[in-house]
Protein backbone atom coordinates (compact mmCIF):
# COMPACT_ATOMS: atom_id res chain seq x y z
CA MET A 1 0.14 -0.02 -0.08
CA GLU A 2 1.30 3.18 -1.03
CA PRO A 3 1.57 6.26 1.26
CA LYS A 4 -0.99 8.49 1.19
CA SER A 5 -1.55 12.51 2.03
CA ARG A 6 -4.54 12.46 3.38
CA LEU A 7 -7.06 10.51 5.71
CA ASP A 8 -9.77 8.36 4.31
CA GLY A 9 -12.64 5.94 5.08
CA LEU A 10 -10.78 3.28 6.20
CA ALA A 11 -8.20 5.52 8.46
CA ILE A 12 -11.34 8.02 9.42
CA SER A 13 -12.37 4.11 10.71
CA ALA A 14 -9.48 2.97 12.40
CA LEU A 15 -8.88 5.98 14.13
CA LEU A 16 -12.16 5.95 15.75
CA ILE A 17 -11.92 2.36 16.62
CA LEU A 18 -8.35 3.82 18.34
CA CYS A 19 -10.29 6.61 20.33
CA VAL A 20 -12.63 4.51 21.68
CA SER A 21 -10.64 1.70 22.81
CA TRP A 22 -7.33 3.93 24.36
CA GLY A 23 -10.08 5.74 26.16
CA GLY A 24 -11.87 2.95 27.54
CA GLN A 25 -8.32 1.31 28.73
CA GLN A 26 -8.54 3.34 32.03
CA VAL A 27 -11.57 1.89 32.98
CA ALA A 28 -10.91 -1.91 31.89
CA ILE A 29 -8.22 -1.40 34.53
CA LYS A 30 -10.28 -0.01 37.13
CA LEU A 31 -13.18 -3.00 36.47
CA ALA A 32 -10.49 -5.61 37.39
CA ALA A 33 -8.41 -4.41 40.57
CA ALA A 34 -10.10 -5.75 43.18
CA ASP A 35 -9.36 -9.09 41.56
CA ILE A 36 -5.92 -8.25 40.06
CA SER A 37 -3.39 -5.40 41.76
CA PRO A 38 -2.58 -2.63 39.28
CA VAL A 39 1.12 -2.80 38.55
CA MET A 40 -0.07 -6.97 38.38
CA GLN A 41 -2.16 -6.29 35.53
CA SER A 42 0.79 -4.20 33.88
CA ALA A 43 3.16 -6.77 34.08
CA LEU A 44 0.62 -9.48 32.79
CA ARG A 45 -0.43 -7.33 29.95
CA SER A 46 3.70 -6.53 28.64
CA ILE A 47 4.44 -10.31 29.30
CA GLY A 48 1.43 -11.44 27.43
CA ALA A 49 1.86 -9.02 24.41
CA THR A 50 5.34 -9.73 24.19
CA VAL A 51 5.04 -13.09 23.13
CA LEU A 52 2.04 -12.07 20.92
CA VAL A 53 4.04 -9.07 19.39
CA GLY A 54 6.92 -11.36 18.95
CA LEU A 55 4.99 -14.12 17.38
CA TRP A 56 3.82 -11.82 14.77
CA VAL A 57 7.20 -10.48 14.01
CA VAL A 58 7.82 -14.27 13.57
CA LEU A 59 5.15 -15.33 11.58
CA ARG A 60 6.05 -12.19 9.06
CA LYS A 61 9.18 -13.53 8.74
CA LYS A 62 11.09 -10.43 10.35
CA PRO A 63 14.29 -11.08 12.59
CA LEU A 64 13.60 -10.54 16.23
CA PHE A 65 17.18 -9.54 16.90
CA VAL A 66 19.37 -7.30 15.00
CA SER A 67 22.57 -5.43 15.59
CA ASP A 68 22.08 -2.23 14.43
CA GLY A 69 23.23 0.10 17.02
CA THR A 70 19.47 0.31 19.35
CA LEU A 71 19.82 -2.18 21.50
CA TRP A 72 20.56 0.73 24.43
CA TRP A 73 18.28 2.88 23.46
CA GLY A 74 15.55 0.25 23.17
CA ILE A 75 16.30 -0.75 26.85
CA ALA A 76 15.96 3.46 27.47
CA ALA A 77 12.43 3.26 25.57
CA GLY A 78 11.45 0.05 27.31
CA LEU A 79 12.64 1.67 31.12
CA LEU A 80 10.45 4.41 30.25
CA PHE A 81 7.58 2.69 29.06
CA ALA A 82 7.55 0.56 32.21
CA PHE A 83 7.53 3.13 34.62
CA GLU A 84 4.93 5.16 32.72
CA PHE A 85 2.09 2.25 32.65
CA MET A 86 3.24 1.29 37.01
CA LEU A 87 2.34 4.66 37.25
CA ILE A 88 -1.09 4.52 34.98
CA TYR A 89 -2.18 1.48 36.98
CA TRP A 90 -0.88 2.10 40.63
CA GLY A 91 -2.73 6.00 40.07
CA LEU A 92 -5.38 4.33 39.37
CA GLU A 93 -5.83 3.11 42.84
CA PHE A 94 -5.94 6.90 44.19
CA THR A 95 -8.21 8.77 41.28
CA HIS A 96 -10.93 8.29 38.67
CA ALA A 97 -10.37 6.32 35.19
CA SER A 98 -12.35 9.52 33.53
CA ARG A 99 -10.25 12.06 35.71
CA ALA A 100 -6.96 9.64 34.46
CA VAL A 101 -7.32 9.72 30.88
CA ILE A 102 -7.47 13.53 30.79
CA PHE A 103 -3.96 13.65 32.62
CA LEU A 104 -3.44 11.51 30.70
CA TYR A 105 -3.54 12.76 27.21
CA LEU A 106 -1.35 15.88 27.94
CA SER A 107 1.49 13.80 26.65
CA PRO A 108 1.20 15.20 23.60
CA PHE A 109 1.99 18.52 24.88
CA VAL A 110 5.03 17.22 26.29
CA VAL A 111 5.56 15.60 22.74
CA ALA A 112 5.24 18.96 20.98
CA ILE A 113 7.98 20.63 23.23
CA GLY A 114 10.56 17.71 23.63
CA MET A 115 10.11 17.54 19.56
CA GLN A 116 11.02 21.80 19.23
CA LEU A 117 13.70 21.40 21.68
CA PHE A 118 15.38 17.83 20.47
CA VAL A 119 14.66 17.37 16.72
CA PRO A 120 16.24 20.21 14.41
CA GLY A 121 13.63 21.87 12.57
CA GLU A 122 10.25 21.14 14.81
CA LYS A 123 9.13 24.36 15.64
CA LEU A 124 5.55 25.90 17.49
CA GLY A 125 3.90 28.37 16.12
CA THR A 126 0.90 30.89 17.59
CA ILE A 127 -1.77 28.25 17.36
CA GLN A 128 0.54 25.66 19.10
CA PHE A 129 1.76 27.87 21.99
CA LEU A 130 -2.30 28.72 22.42
CA GLY A 131 -2.79 24.70 22.34
CA LEU A 132 -0.52 24.39 24.95
CA ALA A 133 -2.18 27.32 26.79
CA PHE A 134 -5.76 25.56 26.39
CA SER A 135 -4.26 22.18 27.90
CA PHE A 136 -2.30 24.06 30.90
CA LEU A 137 -5.62 25.42 31.64
CA GLY A 138 -7.21 22.01 31.20
CA ILE A 139 -5.09 20.69 33.95
CA LEU A 140 -5.56 23.72 36.18
CA VAL A 141 -9.14 23.31 36.32
CA ALA A 142 -8.71 19.53 37.09
CA PHE A 143 -6.28 19.98 39.44
CA GLY A 144 -8.60 22.66 41.13
CA GLU A 145 -11.61 20.35 41.76
CA SER A 146 -9.22 18.01 43.13
CA PHE A 147 -8.87 19.94 46.54
CA THR A 148 -13.10 20.18 46.94
CA PHE A 149 -13.03 16.14 47.36
CA PRO A 150 -13.26 14.86 50.84
CA SER A 151 -10.14 13.20 50.23
CA GLN A 152 -6.66 14.17 49.15
CA GLN A 153 -6.06 11.14 47.54
CA MET A 154 -7.33 11.96 44.30
CA LEU A 155 -4.16 14.52 44.07
CA ILE A 156 -2.02 11.93 44.09
CA GLY A 157 -3.04 9.94 41.91
CA ASP A 158 -3.89 13.04 39.38
CA SER A 159 -0.50 13.39 39.79
CA MET A 160 0.81 10.25 38.77
CA LEU A 161 -1.07 10.30 35.81
CA VAL A 162 0.57 13.61 34.92
CA ALA A 163 4.02 11.98 35.49
CA ALA A 164 2.86 9.13 33.53
CA ALA A 165 1.93 11.47 30.74
CA ILE A 166 5.20 13.20 30.93
CA LEU A 167 7.16 9.94 30.69
CA TRP A 168 4.71 8.98 27.82
CA GLY A 169 5.74 12.11 26.15
CA ALA A 170 9.32 11.64 26.71
CA THR A 171 9.25 8.16 25.32
CA THR A 172 7.77 9.43 21.85
CA VAL A 173 10.51 12.30 21.97
CA LEU A 174 13.66 9.16 21.98
CA ILE A 175 11.77 7.42 20.14
CA LYS A 176 11.61 10.20 17.27
CA SER A 177 15.25 11.46 17.68
CA SER A 178 16.91 7.94 18.36
CA PRO A 179 18.21 5.29 15.70
CA LEU A 180 14.74 3.95 16.72
CA ALA A 181 13.22 6.07 14.26
CA ARG A 182 14.62 3.89 11.44
CA ILE A 183 13.50 0.63 12.50
CA ALA A 184 10.63 -1.35 11.97
CA PRO A 185 7.23 -0.02 14.38
CA SER A 186 7.17 -3.48 15.73
CA ARG A 187 10.62 -4.05 16.46
CA THR A 188 10.68 -0.53 18.81
CA LEU A 189 7.25 -1.94 20.64
CA LEU A 190 8.84 -5.14 21.35
CA TYR A 191 11.70 -3.63 22.87
CA GLN A 192 9.28 -1.62 25.45
CA LEU A 193 6.70 -4.75 25.81
CA SER A 194 9.81 -6.98 26.71
CA VAL A 195 11.56 -4.90 29.08
CA SER A 196 8.43 -4.05 31.03
CA ALA A 197 7.92 -7.86 30.84
CA VAL A 198 10.76 -7.97 32.89
CA VAL A 199 10.55 -4.52 35.06
CA LEU A 200 7.00 -4.46 36.19
CA PRO A 201 6.62 -7.78 38.05
CA LEU A 202 9.28 -6.71 39.74
CA GLY A 203 7.60 -3.33 40.83
CA SER A 204 4.48 -5.10 41.77
CA LEU A 205 6.92 -7.34 44.39
CA ALA A 206 8.53 -4.50 45.51
CA LEU A 207 4.88 -2.77 46.35
CA ASN A 208 3.99 -6.03 48.19
CA GLU A 209 1.03 -6.80 45.93
CA PRO A 210 -1.23 -9.51 46.54
CA GLY A 211 -1.25 -10.33 42.73
CA ILE A 212 -3.93 -12.23 41.22
CA VAL A 213 -6.54 -12.52 43.52
CA LYS A 214 -9.32 -14.35 42.08
CA LEU A 215 -9.41 -14.54 37.83
CA THR A 216 -13.05 -13.91 37.87
CA PHE A 217 -14.69 -13.42 34.57
CA VAL A 218 -14.90 -9.49 34.84
CA ALA A 219 -11.11 -9.42 35.59
CA ALA A 220 -10.42 -12.39 32.80
CA ALA A 221 -11.77 -10.43 30.32
CA SER A 222 -10.30 -6.73 31.67
CA LEU A 223 -6.89 -8.59 30.86
CA LEU A 224 -7.45 -10.26 27.65
CA TYR A 225 -8.77 -6.86 26.37
CA GLN A 226 -5.50 -5.03 27.25
CA THR A 227 -3.11 -7.66 26.28
CA VAL A 228 -4.56 -8.42 23.31
CA TRP A 229 -6.82 -5.61 22.21
CA ILE A 230 -5.16 -2.64 23.68
CA ALA A 231 -1.26 -3.65 23.66
CA SER A 232 -0.95 -5.19 20.51
CA ILE A 233 -3.66 -5.23 17.92
CA THR A 234 -4.23 -1.25 18.43
CA TYR A 235 -0.42 -0.65 18.98
CA LEU A 236 0.31 -2.52 15.76
CA ALA A 237 -2.40 -0.82 13.85
CA TRP A 238 -1.62 3.00 15.02
CA PHE A 239 2.10 1.95 14.16
CA TRP A 240 0.27 0.99 10.17
CA LEU A 241 -1.52 4.19 10.07
CA ILE A 242 1.64 6.09 11.16
CA ARG A 243 3.63 3.74 8.23
CA HIS A 244 0.71 4.93 5.33
CA TYR A 245 -0.87 8.42 6.15
CA PRO A 246 0.15 11.61 7.29
CA ALA A 247 0.85 11.56 11.07
CA ALA A 248 0.39 15.49 11.65
CA ARG A 249 -3.48 14.58 10.07
CA LEU A 250 -3.51 10.92 12.46
CA ALA A 251 -2.42 12.89 15.77
CA SER A 252 -4.96 15.75 15.37
CA PHE A 253 -7.48 13.06 15.98
CA SER A 254 -5.94 11.86 19.88
CA PHE A 255 -8.20 15.01 20.50
CA LEU A 256 -11.41 12.36 21.10
CA ALA A 257 -9.29 9.73 23.31
CA PRO A 258 -9.69 11.89 26.53
CA LEU A 259 -13.49 12.74 25.12
CA PHE A 260 -14.42 8.85 25.04
CA GLY A 261 -12.43 8.29 27.98
CA VAL A 262 -14.33 10.63 30.51
CA LEU A 263 -17.91 9.09 28.64
CA ALA A 264 -17.13 5.22 29.40
CA GLY A 265 -15.94 6.56 33.58
CA TRP A 266 -19.18 7.87 33.67
CA TRP A 267 -21.47 5.46 31.58
CA ILE A 268 -19.67 2.42 32.71
CA LEU A 269 -18.21 3.09 36.26
CA ASP A 270 -20.58 5.69 37.40
CA GLU A 271 -18.27 8.12 37.69
CA PRO A 272 -19.66 11.93 38.45
CA LEU A 273 -19.67 14.17 35.56
CA THR A 274 -19.14 17.70 36.73
CA ALA A 275 -18.63 20.89 34.96
CA GLY A 276 -15.33 21.04 36.13
CA LEU A 277 -14.52 17.56 34.61
CA LEU A 278 -16.22 18.92 31.27
CA LEU A 279 -14.92 22.10 31.02
CA ALA A 280 -11.38 20.29 32.02
CA MET A 281 -11.93 17.57 29.42
CA LEU A 282 -13.33 20.44 26.87
CA LEU A 283 -9.70 22.35 27.32
CA VAL A 284 -7.29 19.47 26.70
CA ALA A 285 -8.88 18.31 23.38
CA ALA A 286 -9.42 21.62 22.28
CA GLY A 287 -5.62 22.09 23.26
CA ILE A 288 -4.54 18.72 21.37
CA TYR A 289 -6.79 19.63 18.31
CA LEU A 290 -4.62 23.35 18.13
CA VAL A 291 -1.22 21.83 18.61
CA ASN A 292 -1.74 19.32 15.43
CA ARG A 293 -3.47 21.93 13.57
CA HIS A 294 -0.70 23.86 12.17
CA GLU A 295 0.30 20.80 9.46
CA THR A 296 -3.33 19.38 8.98
C-alpha cells in the first residue's frame, strides 16, 4: 500500500476505533482492580503482549534480533514505558478513570515541546502555543477540582497520571530523535513490551501487591482486552497507520480519546460527570487539536 497524503474512510474508521479503545483502557483497569493488583495487571499485559507481538514478527518472517546499534536505545525506551505504565496502573488506585484519561493526554504537549527542543526543524507556532495554553488551563481546572473532594488521595492519583503522561511523551521523543526511528515499528514496540515485562513484575513485588486475588470473568475479560486488543492489536494498527498516512493528520484525531474516556468512566463506572471535569476535558481536547492544527 502506497503512502497517502490524506485520511480516507479506512483511516478515519480505524482512528475512531482506536480512540474509543484507548479512552476506555483506564475503565478496564479499574474493573479488574479488585481481583488483580494494578501493577500486576500491567505486568501480565506486557508479558502477554510481548509473546503476541513476538509471534507476529516471527510469522512475518522478520528477524527478532538485529545488531543495528539500537539495543541501549530500546532498553531506555522500555524503561520509560515500564515506569509510565506502573504510574498509570498504580495511580488509578487513587483517582477516577475519567480523570485519569484527561491527565494522561497531556502527552501530546510533552511531545510537541520535546520535539522542538531535540529534533531540528520542529518549531511551535502561535496556534500551537495557544493549544498548550488551553491544555494547561484544563489541567489547572482538573487539579482545582481535586481539592474539593473529601479525600486528598485524588491529588496523589492525579499527580501520578501527570507524571505518566510526561514519561509517555518522553518515550515518543526518545524514539523519534534516536536510531529507533529508523527501525521497524514492531521492533520498537517489542523493545518497550519486553523490557516492561521484566521491570513491572519486579515493581509489583516491590509494592508487596497481592497479585492475582481471584480470576473472575470480569478480570479475565479485562486482562484479555488490555493484552490482546490494546497492547497488541491497537498499537500495531497505530504503527501501520503512521506508516501509510500523514502523522500530523493522525495526531489531530487524538483529541477524541479524552472525550471517550470521560464518557466511559461516567457510563460504565458511574463516576461523577461534574462541570469542572467537562470543562477540563474540553480544554485539553481543544489543546490537542490546536497543537496538531498547523500541519493538518
